[in-house]
């Protein structure tokens, strides 16, 4: 319950600050915060829900002409104490925008990379992500992401995340 209250407060703070930021265009570095539901049963045994935090950094090169390439660094964890129960996906993503609207654009994204999985024992494995997002203005957005990872000593960082983010 404390995690949900914290997420709601941060989300409301992001919405209120987004109202002021319409005068300066974003640089496209974005931060995400949200709720992560573990799909993998071993991950769910560690904690029934996780906190998710992520940073997306656009890169200058394009893998495809119709997409934006983004490097993402994420953290999925049961707490900030540093105890076992964390995953750190590091992915190169392609973001495909749908429609030509300047406000309320939506996008699909897919990414591949590695995840440092520290659920039972620490191990670096291959990882992937697919997701859908919608921009609610110049800076505020929401995303739903499905993260998948290979097994790391019997545990996978496979989870469904719901995020609210802010693009600076």
Protein backbone atom coordinates (compact mmCIF):
# COMPACT_ATOMS: atom_id res chain seq x y z
CA UNK A 1 0.00 0.00 0.00
CA UNK A 2 2.88 2.38 0.76
CA UNK A 3 4.33 1.75 -2.71
CA UNK A 4 1.01 2.54 -4.38
CA UNK A 5 0.65 5.77 -2.38
CA UNK A 6 4.21 6.81 -3.30
CA UNK A 7 3.58 6.10 -7.00
CA UNK A 8 0.33 8.09 -6.94
CA UNK A 9 2.05 11.08 -5.30
CA UNK A 10 4.89 11.06 -7.82
CA UNK A 11 2.43 10.71 -10.70
CA UNK A 12 0.41 13.70 -9.49
CA UNK A 13 3.61 15.71 -9.09
CA UNK A 14 4.64 14.89 -12.65
CA UNK A 15 1.22 15.89 -13.98
CA UNK A 16 1.23 19.21 -12.13
CA UNK A 17 4.77 20.07 -13.24
CA UNK A 18 3.93 19.07 -16.83
CA UNK A 19 1.37 21.88 -16.94
CA UNK A 20 4.17 24.46 -16.54
CA UNK A 21 6.68 22.91 -18.97
CA UNK A 22 4.78 23.64 -22.21
CA UNK A 23 6.97 26.68 -22.93
CA UNK A 24 10.24 24.76 -23.31
CA UNK A 25 10.52 21.84 -25.74
CA UNK A 26 11.75 18.55 -24.24
CA UNK A 27 15.25 17.23 -24.97
CA UNK A 28 13.76 13.71 -25.12
CA UNK A 29 15.67 12.24 -22.16
CA UNK A 30 12.88 10.66 -20.19
CA UNK A 31 12.30 9.11 -16.78
CA UNK A 32 9.65 6.51 -15.97
CA UNK A 33 8.24 5.33 -12.66
CA UNK A 34 5.66 2.63 -12.18
CA UNK A 35 4.25 -0.62 -10.93
CA UNK A 36 5.72 -3.93 -12.16
CA UNK A 37 3.82 -7.20 -11.95
CA UNK A 38 6.12 -10.26 -12.08
CA UNK A 39 4.94 -12.81 -14.65
CA UNK A 40 7.64 -15.36 -13.78
CA UNK A 41 6.58 -17.52 -10.81
CA UNK A 42 10.04 -17.45 -9.14
CA UNK A 43 10.11 -13.66 -9.40
CA UNK A 44 6.55 -13.52 -8.01
CA UNK A 45 7.60 -15.74 -5.07
CA UNK A 46 10.24 -13.15 -4.14
CA UNK A 47 7.65 -10.33 -4.09
CA UNK A 48 4.09 -10.05 -5.42
CA UNK A 49 4.83 -6.62 -6.93
CA UNK A 50 7.87 -4.56 -7.79
CA UNK A 51 8.73 -0.91 -8.28
CA UNK A 52 9.91 0.05 -11.74
CA UNK A 53 12.15 2.98 -12.67
CA UNK A 54 13.65 3.70 -16.06
CA UNK A 55 15.64 6.21 -18.08
CA UNK A 56 15.42 6.48 -21.87
CA UNK A 57 18.18 8.24 -23.80
CA UNK A 58 17.74 8.83 -27.54
CA UNK A 59 20.76 7.96 -29.67
CA UNK A 60 21.86 9.67 -32.88
CA UNK A 61 21.85 6.67 -35.21
CA UNK A 62 18.78 4.94 -36.61
CA UNK A 63 18.43 1.22 -37.14
CA UNK A 64 15.36 1.78 -39.32
CA UNK A 65 14.26 4.93 -41.14
CA UNK A 66 10.75 5.11 -39.64
CA UNK A 67 11.72 4.70 -35.97
CA UNK A 68 13.48 6.47 -33.12
CA UNK A 69 16.33 4.54 -31.49
CA UNK A 70 16.45 4.76 -27.70
CA UNK A 71 18.85 3.29 -25.14
CA UNK A 72 16.96 2.33 -21.97
CA UNK A 73 18.23 1.61 -18.47
CA UNK A 74 15.67 0.12 -16.10
CA UNK A 75 15.43 -1.10 -12.54
CA UNK A 76 12.76 -3.47 -11.28
CA UNK A 77 13.07 -4.07 -7.56
CA UNK A 78 11.12 -5.15 -4.52
CA UNK A 79 12.67 -2.39 -2.39
CA UNK A 80 15.47 0.11 -2.38
CA UNK A 81 17.37 -1.73 0.37
CA UNK A 82 19.83 -3.43 -1.98
CA UNK A 83 18.76 -6.94 -0.95
CA UNK A 84 18.18 -9.69 -3.53
CA UNK A 85 15.14 -9.12 -5.71
CA UNK A 86 16.33 -6.71 -8.43
CA UNK A 87 16.62 -6.75 -12.21
CA UNK A 88 18.41 -4.20 -14.39
CA UNK A 89 17.49 -4.44 -18.10
CA UNK A 90 19.74 -2.46 -20.46
CA UNK A 91 18.16 -2.43 -23.91
CA UNK A 92 18.47 -0.84 -27.35
CA UNK A 93 14.92 -0.02 -28.46
CA UNK A 94 13.13 1.00 -31.60
CA UNK A 95 10.12 3.29 -31.09
CA UNK A 96 7.56 3.41 -33.91
CA UNK A 97 5.15 6.37 -33.73
CA UNK A 98 1.57 6.00 -34.94
CA UNK A 99 -0.21 9.01 -36.44
CA UNK A 100 0.93 12.55 -37.14
CA UNK A 101 -0.58 14.29 -34.13
CA UNK A 102 1.80 16.60 -32.28
CA UNK A 103 -0.02 15.97 -28.99
CA UNK A 104 -1.29 12.57 -27.79
CA UNK A 105 0.91 10.58 -30.16
CA UNK A 106 1.08 6.88 -29.48
CA UNK A 107 3.92 4.48 -30.20
CA UNK A 108 4.94 0.85 -30.17
CA UNK A 109 8.41 -0.15 -29.12
CA UNK A 110 10.60 -3.22 -29.16
CA UNK A 111 14.07 -3.67 -27.73
CA UNK A 112 16.82 -6.22 -27.14
CA UNK A 113 19.84 -6.27 -24.87
CA UNK A 114 20.89 -7.72 -21.55
CA UNK A 115 19.48 -7.84 -18.04
CA UNK A 116 21.49 -8.07 -14.85
CA UNK A 117 19.21 -10.34 -12.86
CA UNK A 118 19.77 -10.35 -9.09
CA UNK A 119 16.67 -12.24 -7.99
CA UNK A 120 18.33 -15.31 -6.44
CA UNK A 121 21.95 -15.02 -7.63
CA UNK A 122 23.42 -12.34 -9.85
CA UNK A 123 23.74 -13.25 -13.52
CA UNK A 124 23.69 -11.31 -16.79
CA UNK A 125 21.36 -12.78 -19.42
CA UNK A 126 19.75 -11.81 -22.74
CA UNK A 127 16.61 -9.70 -22.47
CA UNK A 128 13.90 -8.17 -24.65
CA UNK A 129 11.02 -5.74 -24.30
CA UNK A 130 7.87 -4.86 -26.22
CA UNK A 131 5.56 -2.05 -25.25
CA UNK A 132 2.96 0.54 -26.06
CA UNK A 133 3.06 4.19 -25.02
CA UNK A 134 1.04 7.36 -25.36
CA UNK A 135 2.17 10.96 -25.02
CA UNK A 136 -0.24 13.21 -23.10
CA UNK A 137 1.44 16.47 -24.10
CA UNK A 138 4.95 17.74 -24.73
CA UNK A 139 6.46 16.03 -21.71
CA UNK A 140 4.09 13.61 -19.94
CA UNK A 141 3.58 10.04 -21.20
CA UNK A 142 2.38 6.62 -20.11
CA UNK A 143 3.69 3.18 -21.08
CA UNK A 144 2.83 -0.49 -20.74
CA UNK A 145 5.89 -2.72 -21.22
CA UNK A 146 6.42 -6.46 -21.23
CA UNK A 147 10.01 -7.40 -20.27
CA UNK A 148 11.40 -10.88 -20.88
CA UNK A 149 14.74 -12.36 -19.88
CA UNK A 150 16.50 -15.69 -20.15
CA UNK A 151 16.75 -17.79 -17.01
CA UNK A 152 19.27 -16.65 -14.42
CA UNK A 153 19.77 -19.53 -11.99
CA UNK A 154 16.11 -20.54 -12.25
CA UNK A 155 14.61 -17.04 -12.16
CA UNK A 156 13.59 -14.81 -15.04
CA UNK A 157 13.09 -11.06 -14.99
CA UNK A 158 9.87 -11.47 -16.94
CA UNK A 159 7.31 -8.88 -15.92
CA UNK A 160 4.59 -6.51 -17.04
CA UNK A 161 5.14 -2.86 -16.15
CA UNK A 162 2.78 0.12 -16.02
CA UNK A 163 4.61 3.46 -16.07
CA UNK A 164 4.06 7.19 -15.97
CA UNK A 165 6.94 9.21 -17.34
CA UNK A 166 8.25 12.68 -17.96
CA UNK A 167 10.40 13.76 -20.91
CA UNK A 168 12.83 16.62 -20.26
